[in-house]
Amino acid sequence: VVESCVNSIGVNVNTASAPLLSYVSGIGPTLAENIISYRSQNGEFSTRMELPQVPRLGAKSFEHAACFFANF
């Protein structure tokens, strides 16, 4: 159910927890933790184009996940 909601509605990358982020297409548990860590060190994301700066978030992961991040 959570996966269906995440992929239908999306998540706010600036407030979502690591477990919730891991349900986003292209994002697993390790990458979700990297997003949280990057956000903690650098502040909130202002655009989707900042996401590739997250360690280990490559082009394919970005391609799969970017449209599921809301509130930009």
PDB file of N, CA and C in Angstrom:
ATOM      1  N   VAL A   1       0.831  -1.192   0.000  1.00  0.00           N
ATOM      2  CA  VAL A   1       0.000   0.000   0.000  1.00  0.00           C
ATOM      3  C   VAL A   1       0.873   1.252   0.000  1.00  0.00           C
ATOM      4  N   VAL A   2       1.930   1.261   0.814  1.00  0.00           N
ATOM      5  CA  VAL A   2       2.798   2.442   0.890  1.00  0.00           C
ATOM      6  C   VAL A   2       3.455   2.686  -0.465  1.00  0.00           C
ATOM      7  N   GLU A   3       3.957   1.643  -1.063  1.00  0.00           N
ATOM      8  CA  GLU A   3       4.617   1.778  -2.367  1.00  0.00           C
ATOM      9  C   GLU A   3       3.654   2.338  -3.407  1.00  0.00           C
ATOM     10  N   SER A   4       2.439   1.867  -3.407  1.00  0.00           N
ATOM     11  CA  SER A   4       1.430   2.355  -4.345  1.00  0.00           C
ATOM     12  C   SER A   4       1.157   3.843  -4.138  1.00  0.00           C
ATOM     13  N   CYS A   5       1.032   4.259  -2.893  1.00  0.00           N
ATOM     14  CA  CYS A   5       0.789   5.680  -2.589  1.00  0.00           C
ATOM     15  C   CYS A   5       1.975   6.543  -2.977  1.00  0.00           C
ATOM     16  N   VAL A   6       3.177   6.089  -2.652  1.00  0.00           N
ATOM     17  CA  VAL A   6       4.382   6.848  -2.980  1.00  0.00           C
ATOM     18  C   VAL A   6       4.489   7.031  -4.488  1.00  0.00           C
ATOM     19  N   ASN A   7       4.224   5.976  -5.236  1.00  0.00           N
ATOM     20  CA  ASN A   7       4.354   6.052  -6.686  1.00  0.00           C
ATOM     21  C   ASN A   7       3.166   6.736  -7.350  1.00  0.00           C
ATOM     22  N   SER A   8       2.076   6.930  -6.632  1.00  0.00           N
ATOM     23  CA  SER A   8       0.938   7.668  -7.174  1.00  0.00           C
ATOM     24  C   SER A   8       1.014   9.156  -6.850  1.00  0.00           C
ATOM     25  N   ILE A   9       1.403   9.459  -5.623  1.00  0.00           N
ATOM     26  CA  ILE A   9       1.384  10.838  -5.133  1.00  0.00           C
ATOM     27  C   ILE A   9       2.775  11.463  -5.115  1.00  0.00           C
ATOM     28  N   GLY A  10       3.785  10.690  -4.773  1.00  0.00           N
ATOM     29  CA  GLY A  10       5.136  11.202  -4.611  1.00  0.00           C
ATOM     30  C   GLY A  10       5.423  11.515  -3.152  1.00  0.00           C
ATOM     31  N   VAL A  11       6.638  11.939  -2.871  1.00  0.00           N
ATOM     32  CA  VAL A  11       7.043  12.294  -1.516  1.00  0.00           C
ATOM     33  C   VAL A  11       7.810  13.613  -1.547  1.00  0.00           C
ATOM     34  N   ASN A  12       7.828  14.293  -0.429  1.00  0.00           N
ATOM     35  CA  ASN A  12       8.610  15.509  -0.282  1.00  0.00           C
ATOM     36  C   ASN A  12      10.015  15.090   0.143  1.00  0.00           C
ATOM     37  N   VAL A  13      10.974  15.265  -0.736  1.00  0.00           N
ATOM     38  CA  VAL A  13      12.342  14.823  -0.469  1.00  0.00           C
ATOM     39  C   VAL A  13      12.961  15.574   0.713  1.00  0.00           C
ATOM     40  N   ASN A  14      12.411  16.731   1.059  1.00  0.00           N
ATOM     41  CA  ASN A  14      12.957  17.530   2.159  1.00  0.00           C
ATOM     42  C   ASN A  14      12.425  17.134   3.526  1.00  0.00           C
ATOM     43  N   THR A  15      11.364  16.342   3.569  1.00  0.00           N
ATOM     44  CA  THR A  15      10.797  15.954   4.863  1.00  0.00           C
ATOM     45  C   THR A  15      10.646  14.442   5.030  1.00  0.00           C
ATOM     46  N   ALA A  16      10.743  13.696   3.954  1.00  0.00           N
ATOM     47  CA  ALA A  16      10.519  12.246   4.016  1.00  0.00           C
ATOM     48  C   ALA A  16      11.623  11.539   4.797  1.00  0.00           C
ATOM     49  N   SER A  17      11.231  10.495   5.503  1.00  0.00           N
ATOM     50  CA  SER A  17      12.185   9.670   6.239  1.00  0.00           C
ATOM     51  C   SER A  17      12.869   8.693   5.281  1.00  0.00           C
ATOM     52  N   ALA A  18      13.954   8.109   5.738  1.00  0.00           N
ATOM     53  CA  ALA A  18      14.672   7.130   4.917  1.00  0.00           C
ATOM     54  C   ALA A  18      13.790   5.933   4.553  1.00  0.00           C
ATOM     55  N   PRO A  19      13.018   5.373   5.500  1.00  0.00           N
ATOM     56  CA  PRO A  19      12.150   4.246   5.103  1.00  0.00           C
ATOM     57  C   PRO A  19      11.134   4.630   4.029  1.00  0.00           C
ATOM     58  N   LEU A  20      10.591   5.831   4.099  1.00  0.00           N
ATOM     59  CA  LEU A  20       9.637   6.261   3.081  1.00  0.00           C
ATOM     60  C   LEU A  20      10.334   6.490   1.741  1.00  0.00           C
ATOM     61  N   LEU A  21      11.496   7.125   1.765  1.00  0.00           N
ATOM     62  CA  LEU A  21      12.250   7.355   0.533  1.00  0.00           C
ATOM     63  C   LEU A  21      12.626   6.052  -0.164  1.00  0.00           C
ATOM     64  N   SER A  22      12.849   5.010   0.610  1.00  0.00           N
ATOM     65  CA  SER A  22      13.260   3.733   0.006  1.00  0.00           C
ATOM     66  C   SER A  22      12.152   3.106  -0.838  1.00  0.00           C
ATOM     67  N   TYR A  23      10.916   3.581  -0.710  1.00  0.00           N
ATOM     68  CA  TYR A  23       9.816   3.091  -1.545  1.00  0.00           C
ATOM     69  C   TYR A  23       9.759   3.776  -2.913  1.00  0.00           C
ATOM     70  N   VAL A  24      10.506   4.861  -3.078  1.00  0.00           N
ATOM     71  CA  VAL A  24      10.522   5.573  -4.350  1.00  0.00           C
ATOM     72  C   VAL A  24      11.258   4.722  -5.383  1.00  0.00           C
ATOM     73  N   SER A  25      10.713   4.657  -6.583  1.00  0.00           N
ATOM     74  CA  SER A  25      11.329   3.900  -7.666  1.00  0.00           C
ATOM     75  C   SER A  25      12.764   4.373  -7.895  1.00  0.00           C
ATOM     76  N   GLY A  26      13.703   3.447  -7.913  1.00  0.00           N
ATOM     77  CA  GLY A  26      15.109   3.767  -8.147  1.00  0.00           C
ATOM     78  C   GLY A  26      15.900   4.077  -6.890  1.00  0.00           C
ATOM     79  N   ILE A  27      15.227   4.162  -5.739  1.00  0.00           N
ATOM     80  CA  ILE A  27      15.892   4.485  -4.476  1.00  0.00           C
ATOM     81  C   ILE A  27      15.751   3.299  -3.531  1.00  0.00           C
ATOM     82  N   GLY A  28      16.848   2.788  -3.071  1.00  0.00           N
ATOM     83  CA  GLY A  28      16.829   1.708  -2.091  1.00  0.00           C
ATOM     84  C   GLY A  28      17.193   2.238  -0.723  1.00  0.00           C
ATOM     85  N   PRO A  29      17.313   1.350   0.263  1.00  0.00           N
ATOM     86  CA  PRO A  29      17.621   1.791   1.633  1.00  0.00           C
ATOM     87  C   PRO A  29      18.939   2.564   1.769  1.00  0.00           C
ATOM     88  N   THR A  30      19.985   2.113   1.104  1.00  0.00           N
ATOM     89  CA  THR A  30      21.280   2.797   1.213  1.00  0.00           C
ATOM     90  C   THR A  30      21.228   4.173   0.579  1.00  0.00           C
ATOM     91  N   LEU A  31      20.640   4.266  -0.585  1.00  0.00           N
ATOM     92  CA  LEU A  31      20.526   5.551  -1.266  1.00  0.00           C
ATOM     93  C   LEU A  31      19.611   6.503  -0.495  1.00  0.00           C
ATOM     94  N   ALA A  32      18.582   5.967   0.115  1.00  0.00           N
ATOM     95  CA  ALA A  32      17.691   6.790   0.952  1.00  0.00           C
ATOM     96  C   ALA A  32      18.478   7.399   2.114  1.00  0.00           C
ATOM     97  N   GLU A  33      19.324   6.606   2.743  1.00  0.00           N
ATOM     98  CA  GLU A  33      20.168   7.114   3.832  1.00  0.00           C
ATOM     99  C   GLU A  33      21.142   8.171   3.316  1.00  0.00           C
ATOM    100  N   ASN A  34      21.665   7.988   2.106  1.00  0.00           N
ATOM    101  CA  ASN A  34      22.564   8.984   1.518  1.00  0.00           C
ATOM    102  C   ASN A  34      21.837  10.309   1.275  1.00  0.00           C
ATOM    103  N   ILE A  35      20.586  10.231   0.859  1.00  0.00           N
ATOM    104  CA  ILE A  35      19.785  11.444   0.643  1.00  0.00           C
ATOM    105  C   ILE A  35      19.578  12.171   1.969  1.00  0.00           C
ATOM    106  N   ILE A  36      19.241  11.440   3.006  1.00  0.00           N
ATOM    107  CA  ILE A  36      19.036  12.031   4.337  1.00  0.00           C
ATOM    108  C   ILE A  36      20.331  12.674   4.834  1.00  0.00           C
ATOM    109  N   SER A  37      21.437  11.977   4.667  1.00  0.00           N
ATOM    110  CA  SER A  37      22.730  12.498   5.098  1.00  0.00           C
ATOM    111  C   SER A  37      23.096  13.774   4.336  1.00  0.00           C
ATOM    112  N   TYR A  38      22.913  13.748   3.028  1.00  0.00           N
ATOM    113  CA  TYR A  38      23.204  14.928   2.208  1.00  0.00           C
ATOM    114  C   TYR A  38      22.325  16.098   2.628  1.00  0.00           C
ATOM    115  N   ARG A  39      21.048  15.826   2.845  1.00  0.00           N
ATOM    116  CA  ARG A  39      20.100  16.866   3.258  1.00  0.00           C
ATOM    117  C   ARG A  39      20.496  17.448   4.619  1.00  0.00           C
ATOM    118  N   SER A  40      20.959  16.613   5.527  1.00  0.00           N
ATOM    119  CA  SER A  40      21.376  17.078   6.856  1.00  0.00           C
ATOM    120  C   SER A  40      22.601  17.983   6.777  1.00  0.00           C
ATOM    121  N   GLN A  41      23.510  17.652   5.875  1.00  0.00           N
ATOM    122  CA  GLN A  41      24.756  18.414   5.757  1.00  0.00           C
ATOM    123  C   GLN A  41      24.612  19.682   4.935  1.00  0.00           C
ATOM    124  N   ASN A  42      23.714  19.669   3.926  1.00  0.00           N
ATOM    125  CA  ASN A  42      23.637  20.768   2.960  1.00  0.00           C
ATOM    126  C   ASN A  42      22.332  21.545   2.974  1.00  0.00           C
ATOM    127  N   GLY A  43      21.398  21.148   3.805  1.00  0.00           N
ATOM    128  CA  GLY A  43      20.105  21.824   3.846  1.00  0.00           C
ATOM    129  C   GLY A  43      19.136  21.242   2.830  1.00  0.00           C
ATOM    130  N   GLU A  44      17.970  21.844   2.763  1.00  0.00           N
ATOM    131  CA  GLU A  44      16.907  21.345   1.895  1.00  0.00           C
ATOM    132  C   GLU A  44      17.274  21.468   0.422  1.00  0.00           C
ATOM    133  N   PHE A  45      16.713  20.555  -0.360  1.00  0.00           N
ATOM    134  CA  PHE A  45      16.853  20.611  -1.808  1.00  0.00           C
ATOM    135  C   PHE A  45      15.906  21.683  -2.326  1.00  0.00           C
ATOM    136  N   SER A  46      16.371  22.529  -3.235  1.00  0.00           N
ATOM    137  CA  SER A  46      15.495  23.546  -3.807  1.00  0.00           C
ATOM    138  C   SER A  46      15.027  23.160  -5.210  1.00  0.00           C
ATOM    139  N   THR A  47      15.770  22.285  -5.879  1.00  0.00           N
ATOM    140  CA  THR A  47      15.370  21.799  -7.202  1.00  0.00           C
ATOM    141  C   THR A  47      15.743  20.320  -7.332  1.00  0.00           C
ATOM    142  N   ARG A  48      15.112  19.653  -8.269  1.00  0.00           N
ATOM    143  CA  ARG A  48      15.432  18.250  -8.545  1.00  0.00           C
ATOM    144  C   ARG A  48      16.865  18.103  -9.049  1.00  0.00           C
ATOM    145  N   MET A  49      17.369  19.127  -9.701  1.00  0.00           N
ATOM    146  CA  MET A  49      18.704  19.061 -10.290  1.00  0.00           C
ATOM    147  C   MET A  49      19.818  18.986  -9.245  1.00  0.00           C
ATOM    148  N   GLU A  50      19.504  19.193  -7.984  1.00  0.00           N
ATOM    149  CA  GLU A  50      20.489  19.027  -6.911  1.00  0.00           C
ATOM    150  C   GLU A  50      20.660  17.559  -6.529  1.00  0.00           C
ATOM    151  N   LEU A  51      19.684  16.741  -6.840  1.00  0.00           N
ATOM    152  CA  LEU A  51      19.707  15.336  -6.426  1.00  0.00           C
ATOM    153  C   LEU A  51      20.924  14.555  -6.933  1.00  0.00           C
ATOM    154  N   PRO A  52      21.395  14.773  -8.161  1.00  0.00           N
ATOM    155  CA  PRO A  52      22.576  14.017  -8.609  1.00  0.00           C
ATOM    156  C   PRO A  52      23.845  14.291  -7.791  1.00  0.00           C
ATOM    157  N   GLN A  53      23.829  15.318  -6.941  1.00  0.00           N
ATOM    158  CA  GLN A  53      24.979  15.591  -6.087  1.00  0.00           C
ATOM    159  C   GLN A  53      25.047  14.640  -4.898  1.00  0.00           C
ATOM    160  N   VAL A  54      23.966  13.913  -4.650  1.00  0.00           N
ATOM    161  CA  VAL A  54      23.940  12.932  -3.559  1.00  0.00           C
ATOM    162  C   VAL A  54      24.870  11.788  -3.930  1.00  0.00           C
ATOM    163  N   PRO A  55      25.778  11.399  -3.029  1.00  0.00           N
ATOM    164  CA  PRO A  55      26.680  10.281  -3.331  1.00  0.00           C
ATOM    165  C   PRO A  55      25.915   9.022  -3.731  1.00  0.00           C
ATOM    166  N   ARG A  56      26.365   8.396  -4.796  1.00  0.00           N
ATOM    167  CA  ARG A  56      25.846   7.136  -5.332  1.00  0.00           C
ATOM    168  C   ARG A  56      24.483   7.265  -6.007  1.00  0.00           C
ATOM    169  N   LEU A  57      23.969   8.482  -6.173  1.00  0.00           N
ATOM    170  CA  LEU A  57      22.732   8.666  -6.916  1.00  0.00           C
ATOM    171  C   LEU A  57      23.125   9.007  -8.349  1.00  0.00           C
ATOM    172  N   GLY A  58      23.200   7.976  -9.166  1.00  0.00           N
ATOM    173  CA  GLY A  58      23.640   8.132 -10.547  1.00  0.00           C
ATOM    174  C   GLY A  58      22.518   8.537 -11.480  1.00  0.00           C
ATOM    175  N   ALA A  59      22.841   8.585 -12.754  1.00  0.00           N
ATOM    176  CA  ALA A  59      21.908   9.042 -13.779  1.00  0.00           C
ATOM    177  C   ALA A  59      20.658   8.169 -13.849  1.00  0.00           C
ATOM    178  N   LYS A  60      20.813   6.864 -13.790  1.00  0.00           N
ATOM    179  CA  LYS A  60      19.653   5.963 -13.883  1.00  0.00           C
ATOM    180  C   LYS A  60      18.750   6.088 -12.667  1.00  0.00           C
ATOM    181  N   SER A  61      19.326   6.135 -11.480  1.00  0.00           N
ATOM    182  CA  SER A  61      18.516   6.305 -10.267  1.00  0.00           C
ATOM    183  C   SER A  61      17.769   7.627 -10.313  1.00  0.00           C
ATOM    184  N   PHE A  62      18.455   8.674 -10.747  1.00  0.00           N
ATOM    185  CA  PHE A  62      17.816   9.987 -10.866  1.00  0.00           C
ATOM    186  C   PHE A  62      16.667   9.925 -11.869  1.00  0.00           C
ATOM    187  N   GLU A  63      16.906   9.275 -13.001  1.00  0.00           N
ATOM    188  CA  GLU A  63      15.886   9.152 -14.046  1.00  0.00           C
ATOM    189  C   GLU A  63      14.634   8.451 -13.524  1.00  0.00           C
ATOM    190  N   HIS A  64      14.818   7.414 -12.722  1.00  0.00           N
ATOM    191  CA  HIS A  64      13.687   6.662 -12.188  1.00  0.00           C
ATOM    192  C   HIS A  64      12.972   7.403 -11.059  1.00  0.00           C
ATOM    193  N   ALA A  65      13.715   8.147 -10.264  1.00  0.00           N
ATOM    194  CA  ALA A  65      13.155   8.713  -9.031  1.00  0.00           C
ATOM    195  C   ALA A  65      12.667  10.151  -9.133  1.00  0.00           C
ATOM    196  N   ALA A  66      13.227  10.945  -9.999  1.00  0.00           N
ATOM    197  CA  ALA A  66      12.989  12.392 -10.001  1.00  0.00           C
ATOM    198  C   ALA A  66      11.513  12.772 -10.065  1.00  0.00           C
ATOM    199  N   CYS A  67      10.738  12.060 -10.833  1.00  0.00           N
ATOM    200  CA  CYS A  67       9.331  12.449 -10.987  1.00  0.00           C
ATOM    201  C   CYS A  67       8.496  12.125  -9.744  1.00  0.00           C
ATOM    202  N   PHE A  68       9.024  11.326  -8.822  1.00  0.00           N
ATOM    203  CA  PHE A  68       8.275  10.969  -7.608  1.00  0.00           C
ATOM    204  C   PHE A  68       8.559  11.905  -6.445  1.00  0.00           C
ATOM    205  N   PHE A  69       9.454  12.868  -6.643  1.00  0.00           N
ATOM    206  CA  PHE A  69       9.749  13.841  -5.602  1.00  0.00           C
ATOM    207  C   PHE A  69       8.889  15.075  -5.821  1.00  0.00           C
ATOM    208  N   ALA A  70       8.025  15.358  -4.889  1.00  0.00           N
ATOM    209  CA  ALA A  70       7.070  16.471  -4.990  1.00  0.00           C
ATOM    210  C   ALA A  70       7.619  17.696  -4.267  1.00  0.00           C
ATOM    211  N   ASN A  71       6.915  18.788  -4.403  1.00  0.00           N
ATOM    212  CA  ASN A  71       7.149  20.036  -3.661  1.00  0.00           C
ATOM    213  C   ASN A  71       8.415  20.776  -4.090  1.00  0.00           C
ATOM    214  N   PHE A  72       8.688  20.809  -5.372  1.00  0.00           N
ATOM    215  CA  PHE A  72       9.787  21.643  -5.861  1.00  0.00           C
ATOM    216  C   PHE A  72       9.219  22.823  -6.569  1.00  0.00           C
TER     217      PHE A  72
END
